[in-house]
Protein backbone atom coordinates (compact mmCIF):
# COMPACT_ATOMS: atom_id res chain seq x y z
CA UNK A 1 22.66 -103.69 10.11
CA UNK A 2 20.88 -101.21 12.46
CA UNK A 3 21.14 -97.54 11.67
CA UNK A 4 21.00 -94.94 14.20
CA UNK A 5 18.15 -92.37 14.48
CA UNK A 6 19.09 -89.00 13.30
CA UNK A 7 16.62 -86.04 13.82
CA UNK A 8 15.48 -84.21 10.66
CA UNK A 9 16.30 -80.90 12.35
CA UNK A 10 19.89 -81.50 11.63
CA UNK A 11 19.38 -80.96 7.93
CA UNK A 12 17.79 -77.98 6.19
CA UNK A 13 16.20 -79.40 2.94
CA UNK A 14 16.23 -76.90 0.02
CA UNK A 15 14.73 -79.10 -2.65
CA UNK A 16 14.51 -82.23 -4.60
CA UNK A 17 17.58 -83.06 -6.88
CA UNK A 18 16.61 -86.21 -8.44
CA UNK A 19 14.08 -89.21 -8.07
CA UNK A 20 14.58 -92.94 -8.94
CA UNK A 21 12.37 -96.01 -8.43
CA UNK A 22 13.60 -96.74 -4.85
CA UNK A 23 14.59 -93.44 -3.47
CA UNK A 24 14.82 -89.74 -3.89
CA UNK A 25 18.04 -87.46 -3.64
CA UNK A 26 17.43 -84.01 -1.74
CA UNK A 27 19.77 -80.96 -1.76
CA UNK A 28 20.19 -79.98 1.88
CA UNK A 29 22.54 -78.07 4.15
CA UNK A 30 23.92 -79.89 7.23
CA UNK A 31 23.33 -77.60 10.08
CA UNK A 32 25.93 -78.90 12.27
CA UNK A 33 28.80 -78.50 9.77
CA UNK A 34 27.26 -75.63 7.81
CA UNK A 35 27.96 -77.49 4.47
CA UNK A 36 25.74 -78.53 1.44
CA UNK A 37 25.00 -82.26 1.16
CA UNK A 38 22.78 -84.56 -0.91
CA UNK A 39 20.41 -86.59 1.16
CA UNK A 40 19.17 -89.79 -0.42
CA UNK A 41 16.18 -91.46 1.38
CA UNK A 42 14.15 -94.29 0.64
CA UNK A 43 10.57 -93.54 -0.69
CA UNK A 44 7.78 -94.44 1.84
CA UNK A 45 5.99 -96.46 -1.09
CA UNK A 46 9.25 -98.54 -1.34
CA UNK A 47 9.47 -99.84 2.06
CA UNK A 48 9.95 -103.44 0.77
CA UNK A 49 13.37 -102.11 -0.59
CA UNK A 50 14.64 -101.02 2.82
CA UNK A 51 17.02 -103.87 3.04
CA UNK A 52 18.69 -103.07 -0.31
CA UNK A 53 18.67 -99.46 0.47
CA UNK A 54 20.48 -99.86 3.74
CA UNK A 55 23.23 -102.23 1.88
CA UNK A 56 23.60 -99.45 -0.84
CA UNK A 57 24.43 -96.86 2.03
CA UNK A 58 26.87 -99.25 3.72
CA UNK A 59 28.58 -100.56 0.56
CA UNK A 60 29.01 -96.97 -0.86
CA UNK A 61 30.32 -95.67 2.54
CA UNK A 62 33.13 -98.22 2.47
CA UNK A 63 34.43 -97.07 -1.06
CA UNK A 64 36.94 -94.47 -0.34
CA UNK A 65 38.29 -93.06 -3.74
CA UNK A 66 38.56 -89.52 -5.12
CA UNK A 67 36.30 -90.58 -8.23
CA UNK A 68 33.57 -92.06 -6.08
CA UNK A 69 31.15 -89.84 -4.22
CA UNK A 70 31.87 -90.05 -0.39
CA UNK A 71 29.12 -90.79 2.15
CA UNK A 72 28.96 -88.61 5.34
CA UNK A 73 26.29 -90.18 7.22
CA UNK A 74 23.81 -92.87 7.34
CA UNK A 75 20.73 -93.40 9.52
CA UNK A 76 17.04 -93.50 10.06
CA UNK A 77 14.63 -90.52 10.39
CA UNK A 78 12.50 -90.62 13.57
CA UNK A 79 9.57 -92.15 11.53
CA UNK A 80 11.81 -95.11 10.49
CA UNK A 81 12.61 -94.18 6.92
CA UNK A 82 16.35 -94.96 6.08
CA UNK A 83 18.63 -92.28 4.44
CA UNK A 84 22.16 -91.30 4.08
CA UNK A 85 23.88 -88.05 3.38
CA UNK A 86 26.68 -87.57 0.73
CA UNK A 87 28.73 -84.98 -0.90
CA UNK A 88 26.73 -82.73 -3.19
CA UNK A 89 28.33 -83.28 -6.55
CA UNK A 90 28.00 -80.52 -9.12
CA UNK A 91 28.74 -80.94 -12.64
CA UNK A 92 27.42 -82.32 -15.95
CA UNK A 93 27.00 -85.99 -16.90
CA UNK A 94 29.42 -87.59 -19.28
CA UNK A 95 26.47 -88.70 -21.58
CA UNK A 96 25.51 -84.92 -21.97
CA UNK A 97 29.20 -84.16 -22.71
CA UNK A 98 29.22 -86.99 -25.17
CA UNK A 99 26.25 -85.53 -27.05
CA UNK A 100 27.86 -82.24 -27.31
CA UNK A 101 31.27 -83.44 -28.62
CA UNK A 102 30.66 -83.02 -32.36
CA UNK A 103 33.93 -84.55 -33.60
CA UNK A 104 36.18 -87.11 -33.07
CA UNK A 105 38.84 -84.68 -31.54
CA UNK A 106 35.90 -83.79 -29.12
CA UNK A 107 35.30 -87.18 -28.03
CA UNK A 108 38.82 -88.09 -27.58
CA UNK A 109 39.25 -85.14 -25.30
CA UNK A 110 36.69 -86.81 -22.95
CA UNK A 111 38.97 -89.96 -22.84
CA UNK A 112 40.64 -88.99 -19.43
CA UNK A 113 37.13 -89.02 -17.70
CA UNK A 114 36.64 -92.75 -18.84
CA UNK A 115 40.08 -93.57 -17.59
CA UNK A 116 39.24 -92.02 -14.19
CA UNK A 117 36.09 -94.10 -14.29
CA UNK A 118 38.20 -97.13 -14.98
CA UNK A 119 40.42 -96.42 -11.98
CA UNK A 120 37.47 -95.90 -9.79
CA UNK A 121 36.02 -99.14 -10.73
CA UNK A 122 39.43 -101.03 -10.30
CA UNK A 123 39.38 -99.55 -6.69
CA UNK A 124 35.94 -100.98 -6.13
CA UNK A 125 36.83 -104.34 -7.45
CA UNK A 126 39.74 -104.32 -5.08
CA UNK A 127 37.04 -104.14 -2.33
CA UNK A 128 35.11 -106.92 -3.96
CA UNK A 129 32.30 -104.53 -5.06
CA UNK A 130 30.65 -104.46 -8.41
CA UNK A 131 28.83 -101.31 -9.63
CA UNK A 132 26.42 -103.14 -12.11
CA UNK A 133 25.08 -100.02 -13.63
CA UNK A 134 27.95 -98.32 -15.11
CA UNK A 135 27.00 -95.77 -17.89
CA UNK A 136 27.77 -92.29 -19.13
CA UNK A 137 24.56 -90.96 -17.36
CA UNK A 138 26.26 -92.22 -14.00
CA UNK A 139 29.41 -90.22 -14.46
CA UNK A 140 29.57 -86.54 -13.47
CA UNK A 141 32.24 -84.12 -14.76
CA UNK A 142 32.67 -81.10 -12.38
CA UNK A 143 33.58 -77.59 -13.60
CA UNK A 144 37.40 -78.12 -12.50
CA UNK A 145 37.55 -81.34 -14.57
CA UNK A 146 36.88 -83.79 -11.67
CA UNK A 147 35.28 -87.06 -12.41
CA UNK A 148 32.85 -88.69 -10.15
CA UNK A 149 31.14 -92.26 -10.62
CA UNK A 150 27.62 -91.94 -8.93
CA UNK A 151 24.62 -94.01 -8.20
CA UNK A 152 25.82 -97.37 -6.58
CA UNK A 153 22.34 -98.38 -5.69
CA UNK A 154 22.80 -101.59 -7.81
CA UNK A 155 26.19 -102.22 -6.48
CA UNK A 156 26.92 -106.10 -5.22
CA UNK A 157 29.37 -106.89 -2.50
CA UNK A 158 30.64 -110.13 -3.85
CA UNK A 159 31.76 -111.18 -0.37
CA UNK A 160 27.92 -111.47 0.41
CA UNK A 161 25.82 -114.32 -0.79
CA UNK A 162 22.84 -112.89 -2.37
CA UNK A 163 19.85 -114.55 -4.00
CA UNK A 164 18.74 -112.54 -7.01
CA UNK A 165 16.22 -113.41 -9.72
CA UNK A 166 17.24 -115.12 -13.03
CA UNK A 167 14.57 -113.84 -15.22
CA UNK A 168 15.83 -112.45 -18.54
CA UNK A 169 15.72 -108.82 -19.19
CA UNK A 170 12.95 -107.51 -21.72
CA UNK A 171 14.29 -103.92 -22.64
CA UNK A 172 11.80 -101.45 -24.05
CA UNK A 173 12.28 -99.83 -27.41
CA UNK A 174 13.85 -96.40 -27.64
CA UNK A 175 16.43 -94.42 -25.61
CA UNK A 176 16.20 -91.99 -22.98
CA UNK A 177 15.55 -91.60 -19.21
CA UNK A 178 11.87 -92.61 -19.58
CA UNK A 179 12.76 -96.01 -20.85
CA UNK A 180 14.74 -97.90 -23.46
CA UNK A 181 18.15 -98.92 -23.65
CA UNK A 182 19.54 -96.36 -21.40
CA UNK A 183 17.08 -96.70 -18.67
CA UNK A 184 17.66 -98.99 -15.65
CA UNK A 185 15.79 -102.20 -15.87
CA UNK A 186 13.85 -102.83 -12.72
CA UNK A 187 12.75 -106.16 -11.39
CA UNK A 188 14.80 -109.55 -11.32
CA UNK A 189 17.29 -108.16 -13.85
CA UNK A 190 19.36 -105.04 -12.42
CA UNK A 191 21.33 -102.80 -14.86
CA UNK A 192 20.88 -100.91 -18.05
CA UNK A 193 20.20 -102.80 -21.12
CA UNK A 194 22.62 -100.94 -23.43
CA UNK A 195 25.72 -101.63 -21.11
CA UNK A 196 24.62 -104.97 -19.85
CA UNK A 197 27.08 -107.99 -20.39
CA UNK A 198 25.12 -111.07 -21.76
CA UNK A 199 25.27 -112.94 -18.45
CA UNK A 200 23.73 -109.87 -16.58
CA UNK A 201 21.03 -109.61 -19.29
CA UNK A 202 20.24 -113.28 -18.76
CA UNK A 203 19.77 -112.52 -15.08
CA UNK A 204 22.75 -114.88 -14.09
CA UNK A 205 25.16 -113.86 -11.15
CA UNK A 206 27.85 -111.43 -12.25
CA UNK A 207 31.23 -110.40 -11.06
CA UNK A 208 33.82 -107.88 -12.13
CA UNK A 209 33.71 -108.79 -15.59
CA UNK A 210 30.26 -107.26 -16.11
CA UNK A 211 31.65 -103.91 -15.13
CA UNK A 212 34.53 -104.54 -17.55
CA UNK A 213 31.98 -105.07 -20.39
CA UNK A 214 30.04 -102.02 -19.31
CA UNK A 215 33.32 -99.86 -19.46
CA UNK A 216 33.86 -101.31 -22.81
CA UNK A 217 30.37 -100.24 -24.05
CA UNK A 218 30.88 -96.75 -22.69
């Protein structure tokens, strides 16, 4: 799909919010509507991933659910780099809240957030979209109890035929954002080792059941 060209002057960038292997997320303000937004843009060094990045933007924009971060705009900067603007979600990750829950009662109190994730994923599945990277780090809990599933960068539209690699995953030892069981595996196998279904870890084609497995692991 061809994305429209959007001038950078429409957004006032305030800083970098996060960075991944394919893109980075900037906190910004939409000057036209005077509201805060998050801008996700493809990193210049990852131009080979432009097609996947655009698919991510278009798939995420299709998903309209209270527990899925909404996309406001998708386009290309004048230099050709694709981007999309989405709601700037504040809050803490479910992973952080789980680590702070020091008792069974504390963990049980977080169950409504997992139920909200399951409902969001059920909606996505009704649209034939599989997340493929569900984990507590990709769930934000807002200050008023709202639950939002983020990072649909590995989402797959089952209605499209995609040729993907079949090499098995080789997770690194350890845990944490720098690598290991909780880190997203790049390359032929897509996902996070600690939450991957066996077929996903083998690099086979997956469907909705891979997300169900990840929900169980969570």
